[in-house]
Protein backbone atom coordinates (compact mmCIF):
# COMPACT_ATOMS: atom_id res chain seq x y z
CA MET A 1 0.00 0.00 0.00
CA SER A 2 1.49 3.34 -1.10
CA LEU A 3 0.89 6.18 1.34
CA VAL A 4 1.39 9.96 1.25
CA ASP A 5 1.27 12.87 3.71
CA LEU A 6 0.02 16.17 2.29
CA HIS A 7 0.34 18.38 5.40
CA THR A 8 3.72 18.71 7.14
CA HIS A 9 5.95 21.37 8.70
CA THR A 10 9.70 21.86 8.96
CA THR A 11 12.16 24.23 10.62
CA ALA A 12 11.25 26.75 7.91
CA SER A 13 8.27 27.51 10.18
CA ASP A 14 7.39 25.75 13.44
CA GLY A 15 8.51 22.17 12.84
CA THR A 16 11.67 20.69 14.35
CA ASP A 17 13.04 18.73 11.36
CA THR A 18 14.88 20.47 8.55
CA PRO A 19 13.29 20.03 5.12
CA ALA A 20 15.95 17.46 4.20
CA GLN A 21 15.45 15.58 7.46
CA LEU A 22 11.71 15.47 6.93
CA MET A 23 12.17 13.94 3.47
CA ALA A 24 14.54 11.35 4.94
CA LEU A 25 11.94 10.49 7.60
CA ALA A 26 9.34 10.16 4.86
CA LYS A 27 11.57 7.66 3.08
CA GLU A 28 12.04 5.69 6.31
CA ALA A 29 8.26 5.71 6.86
CA GLY A 30 7.67 4.29 3.38
CA LEU A 31 5.84 7.36 2.07
CA VAL A 32 5.96 7.91 -1.68
CA ALA A 33 5.08 11.62 -1.56
CA VAL A 34 5.02 14.46 0.96
CA ALA A 35 3.69 18.02 0.82
CA VAL A 36 5.79 20.48 2.82
CA THR A 37 3.31 23.15 3.89
CA ASP A 38 5.11 25.52 6.23
CA HIS A 39 3.26 28.46 7.74
CA ASP A 40 3.45 31.65 5.67
CA THR A 41 6.73 30.66 3.97
CA VAL A 42 8.09 28.64 1.06
CA SER A 43 11.72 28.95 2.13
CA GLY A 44 12.18 25.22 2.81
CA LEU A 45 10.82 23.90 -0.47
CA ASP A 46 13.99 23.89 -2.57
CA GLU A 47 15.92 21.96 0.10
CA ALA A 48 13.07 19.46 0.48
CA GLU A 49 12.77 19.05 -3.27
CA ALA A 50 16.49 18.36 -3.69
CA ALA A 51 16.43 15.80 -0.86
CA GLY A 52 13.33 14.17 -2.30
CA ARG A 53 14.99 13.71 -5.69
CA GLU A 54 17.95 11.94 -4.06
CA LEU A 55 15.71 9.73 -1.91
CA GLY A 56 13.04 8.95 -4.47
CA VAL A 57 10.26 10.67 -2.50
CA GLU A 58 8.02 13.05 -4.43
CA LEU A 59 7.72 16.56 -2.98
CA VAL A 60 4.49 18.50 -3.41
CA ARG A 61 5.51 22.13 -3.05
CA GLY A 62 3.12 23.84 -0.66
CA CYS A 63 2.45 26.28 2.15
CA GLU A 64 -0.19 26.95 4.79
CA LEU A 65 -1.77 30.37 5.21
CA SER A 66 -3.66 31.41 8.32
CA CYS A 67 -6.65 33.58 7.52
CA ILE A 68 -9.68 35.13 9.13
CA THR A 69 -13.37 34.63 8.41
CA ASP A 70 -16.46 36.09 10.02
CA MET A 71 -16.62 32.87 12.04
CA GLY A 72 -13.03 32.89 13.27
CA GLU A 73 -9.65 31.74 12.02
CA ALA A 74 -9.20 29.17 9.26
CA HIS A 75 -6.16 27.64 7.58
CA ILE A 76 -5.65 27.31 3.85
CA LEU A 77 -3.21 24.90 2.17
CA GLY A 78 -1.72 25.60 -1.23
CA LEU A 79 -0.43 22.48 -3.03
CA TRP A 80 1.71 22.32 -6.19
CA LEU A 81 3.02 25.85 -5.88
CA PRO A 82 5.18 26.82 -8.86
CA HIS A 83 8.81 27.77 -8.37
CA ASP A 84 8.19 31.38 -9.38
CA ILE A 85 5.44 32.79 -7.16
CA ALA A 86 6.35 36.47 -6.98
CA PRO A 87 2.86 37.72 -5.95
CA VAL A 88 2.65 35.14 -3.18
CA GLN A 89 6.20 35.93 -2.05
CA LYS A 90 5.33 39.60 -1.76
CA LYS A 91 2.35 38.83 0.47
CA LEU A 92 4.37 36.30 2.49
CA ARG A 93 7.06 38.93 3.16
CA TRP A 94 4.36 41.27 4.46
CA LEU A 95 2.97 38.53 6.70
CA GLN A 96 6.47 37.75 7.97
CA GLN A 97 6.99 41.39 8.88
CA LYS A 98 3.71 41.43 10.79
CA ARG A 99 4.67 38.17 12.49
CA THR A 100 8.01 39.66 13.53
CA GLU A 101 6.34 42.74 14.99
CA ARG A 102 3.95 40.51 16.94
CA ASN A 103 6.78 38.33 18.28
CA VAL A 104 8.68 41.37 19.52
CA ALA A 105 5.55 42.74 21.20
CA ILE A 106 4.87 39.38 22.93
CA VAL A 107 8.45 39.19 24.20
CA ASP A 108 8.15 42.78 25.46
CA ARG A 109 5.01 41.84 27.40
CA LEU A 110 6.70 38.79 28.89
CA GLN A 111 9.63 40.93 29.98
CA ALA A 112 7.20 43.41 31.56
CA LEU A 113 5.75 40.47 33.51
CA GLY A 114 9.20 39.81 34.93
CA LEU A 115 10.21 36.87 32.73
CA ASP A 116 13.81 36.69 31.56
CA ILE A 117 13.46 36.17 27.80
CA SER A 118 14.90 37.89 24.73
CA MET A 119 14.24 37.81 21.01
CA ASP A 120 17.78 36.55 20.45
CA GLU A 121 16.92 33.43 22.47
CA VAL A 122 13.71 32.92 20.49
CA LEU A 123 15.54 33.27 17.17
CA ARG A 124 18.19 30.75 18.22
CA VAL A 125 15.44 28.24 19.00
CA ALA A 126 13.55 28.93 15.79
CA ARG A 127 16.38 28.60 13.25
CA GLY A 128 13.91 29.03 10.40
CA GLU A 129 12.29 31.97 8.68
CA SER A 130 8.79 31.79 10.17
CA VAL A 131 9.17 32.47 13.90
CA GLY A 132 6.11 32.16 16.13
CA ARG A 133 4.62 31.38 19.53
CA PRO A 134 5.88 27.77 19.65
CA HIS A 135 9.44 29.10 19.65
CA ILE A 136 8.67 31.57 22.44
CA ALA A 137 6.99 28.73 24.34
CA SER A 138 10.11 26.60 23.93
CA VAL A 139 12.26 29.25 25.62
CA LEU A 140 9.81 29.61 28.51
CA LEU A 141 9.70 25.85 28.95
CA ARG A 142 13.49 25.53 28.91
CA LYS A 143 13.79 28.22 31.56
CA GLY A 144 11.25 26.54 33.83
CA TYR A 145 8.60 29.26 33.83
CA VAL A 146 5.96 26.66 32.96
CA ARG A 147 5.66 22.89 33.28
CA ASN A 148 4.42 22.05 29.80
CA SER A 149 3.19 23.45 26.50
CA ARG A 150 -0.42 23.48 27.61
CA GLU A 151 0.40 25.64 30.62
CA VAL A 152 2.49 28.10 28.64
CA PHE A 153 -0.37 28.78 26.24
CA GLN A 154 -3.02 28.93 28.97
CA LYS A 155 -0.97 31.26 31.14
CA TYR A 156 0.87 33.44 28.63
CA LEU A 157 0.53 32.81 24.89
CA GLY A 158 -3.00 31.60 24.21
CA SER A 159 -5.93 33.88 23.44
CA GLY A 160 -6.62 34.36 27.16
CA GLY A 161 -2.96 34.53 28.16
CA ARG A 162 -1.28 37.50 29.83
CA ALA A 163 1.08 38.12 26.90
CA TYR A 164 -1.28 37.30 24.05
CA ILE A 165 -1.40 39.62 21.04
CA PRO A 166 -3.66 38.87 18.03
CA ARG A 167 -1.85 38.24 14.78
CA THR A 168 -2.36 39.91 11.43
CA VAL A 169 -3.67 37.45 8.85
CA LEU A 170 -5.28 37.53 5.41
CA GLY A 171 -8.98 37.35 4.77
CA ALA A 172 -10.03 33.84 3.78
CA GLU A 173 -11.18 34.74 0.28
CA GLU A 174 -7.98 36.74 -0.31
CA ALA A 175 -5.82 33.80 0.81
CA VAL A 176 -7.66 31.35 -1.43
CA HIS A 177 -7.59 33.65 -4.44
CA LEU A 178 -3.89 34.42 -3.94
CA LEU A 179 -2.91 30.75 -4.06
CA ALA A 180 -5.39 29.81 -6.79
CA SER A 181 -4.11 32.64 -8.99
CA GLN A 182 -0.70 30.92 -9.00
CA GLY A 183 -2.16 27.63 -10.18
CA ALA A 184 -2.11 25.90 -6.79
CA THR A 185 -4.60 23.32 -5.65
CA VAL A 186 -6.18 25.17 -2.70
CA SER A 187 -7.46 23.08 0.19
CA LEU A 188 -9.34 24.02 3.36
CA ALA A 189 -7.24 22.53 6.16
CA HIS A 190 -8.71 20.45 9.03
CA PRO A 191 -12.22 21.95 8.75
CA LEU A 192 -13.70 19.83 11.55
CA HIS A 193 -10.87 20.74 13.91
CA TRP A 194 -12.42 24.19 13.76
CA LYS A 195 -15.60 24.08 15.83
CA ILE A 196 -18.37 25.70 13.82
CA SER A 197 -21.81 24.40 12.92
CA PRO A 198 -22.26 22.22 9.82
CA ASP A 199 -24.44 24.88 8.21
CA ASN A 200 -21.86 27.61 8.76
CA LEU A 201 -19.09 25.34 7.48
CA ALA A 202 -21.07 24.65 4.32
CA LYS A 203 -21.65 28.39 3.80
CA LEU A 204 -17.93 29.03 4.24
CA VAL A 205 -16.98 26.30 1.77
CA ALA A 206 -19.43 27.74 -0.78
CA ARG A 207 -17.88 31.22 -0.45
CA LEU A 208 -14.34 29.90 -0.64
CA LYS A 209 -15.11 27.82 -3.71
CA ASP A 210 -16.23 31.01 -5.44
CA ALA A 211 -12.79 32.44 -4.56
CA GLY A 212 -10.93 29.43 -5.99
CA LEU A 213 -11.04 26.67 -3.37
CA SER A 214 -10.47 23.33 -5.07
CA ALA A 215 -10.18 20.76 -2.26
CA ILE A 216 -10.95 19.97 1.37
CA GLU A 217 -8.73 18.14 3.85
CA ALA A 218 -10.77 15.14 4.98
CA TRP A 219 -8.12 12.83 6.44
CA TYR A 220 -6.37 14.55 9.35
CA SER A 221 -4.77 13.46 12.62
CA GLU A 222 -7.55 14.94 14.76
CA HIS A 223 -10.50 14.08 12.53
CA SER A 224 -12.78 11.30 13.71
CA ALA A 225 -14.41 8.87 11.30
CA ALA A 226 -17.55 11.02 11.52
CA ASP A 227 -15.51 14.12 10.69
CA VAL A 228 -14.10 12.40 7.62
CA ARG A 229 -17.62 11.55 6.46
CA VAL A 230 -18.68 15.20 6.85
CA CYS A 231 -15.71 16.35 4.76
CA LEU A 232 -16.34 13.76 2.06
CA GLU A 233 -19.97 14.85 1.84
CA LEU A 234 -18.94 18.51 1.58
CA ALA A 235 -16.48 17.61 -1.18
CA ARG A 236 -19.23 15.72 -3.05
CA ARG A 237 -21.75 18.52 -2.54
CA PHE A 238 -19.44 21.26 -3.81
CA ASP A 239 -17.49 19.19 -6.36
CA LEU A 240 -14.18 19.57 -4.55
CA GLY A 241 -11.13 17.34 -4.42
CA VAL A 242 -10.17 15.60 -1.18
CA SER A 243 -6.81 15.84 0.55
CA GLY A 244 -5.27 14.51 3.74
CA GLY A 245 -2.25 14.82 5.97
CA SER A 246 -0.90 14.51 9.48
CA ASP A 247 0.04 18.13 10.30
CA TYR A 248 3.41 16.77 11.40
CA HIS A 249 5.60 19.23 13.35
CA GLY A 250 8.29 16.94 14.76
CA SER A 251 8.87 17.26 18.50
CA ASN A 252 6.66 20.37 18.66
CA LYS A 253 3.72 17.94 18.28
CA PRO A 254 5.38 14.78 19.59
CA ALA A 255 2.27 12.60 19.53
CA ILE A 256 1.80 13.11 15.77
CA ALA A 257 3.98 10.89 13.58
CA LEU A 258 4.75 11.56 9.94
CA GLY A 259 2.27 9.81 7.69
CA VAL A 260 0.21 8.16 10.43
CA GLY A 261 -0.74 10.99 12.79
CA TYR A 262 -1.69 9.47 16.14
CA GLY A 263 -1.16 6.03 14.61
CA SER A 264 -4.27 5.31 12.58
CA LEU A 265 -4.09 7.93 9.80
CA ARG A 266 -3.68 6.52 6.30
CA VAL A 267 -3.69 8.73 3.20
CA HIS A 268 -3.45 6.50 0.15
CA LYS A 269 -1.55 7.53 -2.96
CA SER A 270 -4.88 7.42 -4.77
CA VAL A 271 -5.76 10.65 -2.93
CA LEU A 272 -2.74 12.34 -4.53
CA ASP A 273 -3.53 10.78 -7.90
CA ASP A 274 -7.13 12.02 -7.77
CA LEU A 275 -6.03 15.56 -6.90
CA ARG A 276 -3.52 15.47 -9.76
CA ALA A 277 -6.22 14.23 -12.16
CA ARG A 278 -8.49 17.08 -11.10
CA ARG A 279 -5.67 19.53 -11.84
CA ARG A 280 -5.24 18.08 -15.33
CA ALA A 281 -8.99 18.35 -15.88
CA GLY A 282 -8.98 21.98 -14.68
CA ALA A 283 -11.29 21.20 -11.76
């Protein structure tokens, strides 16, 4: 059985494996293809692609964009990004600048609360281009200010935390259109992980399809069998492709393994083949 994983992260954003290491792990896991979908950056794709060629593992060039809707935050995956994506790069640079400003402001708040932390420490932990709250959390954990990741987000970095600052993100339709305009297959990530009513989810999918959405992520580490059925029905109803992936982050999400999620995830190569066929058909 040939398996794939179409949702993964590396040190280019908030994962802990370099792009080359991730491709090596994919080879060890017996995966035939992997999509690297780092947050708001494509900086790891060339390294992953080169490693994949050497190892015989297909890379699907991708990224994941956070965006806002009138019902809260959503995540959008772009798959099969071309090598030259100047308009996307311009928007990604803007998002990176906003992310940097937010990180500095969070660190400033933590310092004002009496915590000994600096941006230099955060950057040393991050190593990649897309620095975020997981890297700040790692510093706080290492210094013993909290006992675990759950506590650090509850106490400081989550939406109710003492150092929380909202981030600047794209509107959902803008994010979808941006990726679709570059020829990407655009997928709504983990839609049932996001707790909204079925009716509101269907309305959102309808709006995003009008903006260029072409797929929905049905198979996901935190989707139940019932969640998968909901996603498959939405895909059928709106004539969308179906994707799937683990959302692997390395040791930043230690319970999620590449390709198998919590252990039971299986995304068959036929999923990749069907998405590729839809691309050829212009769907």
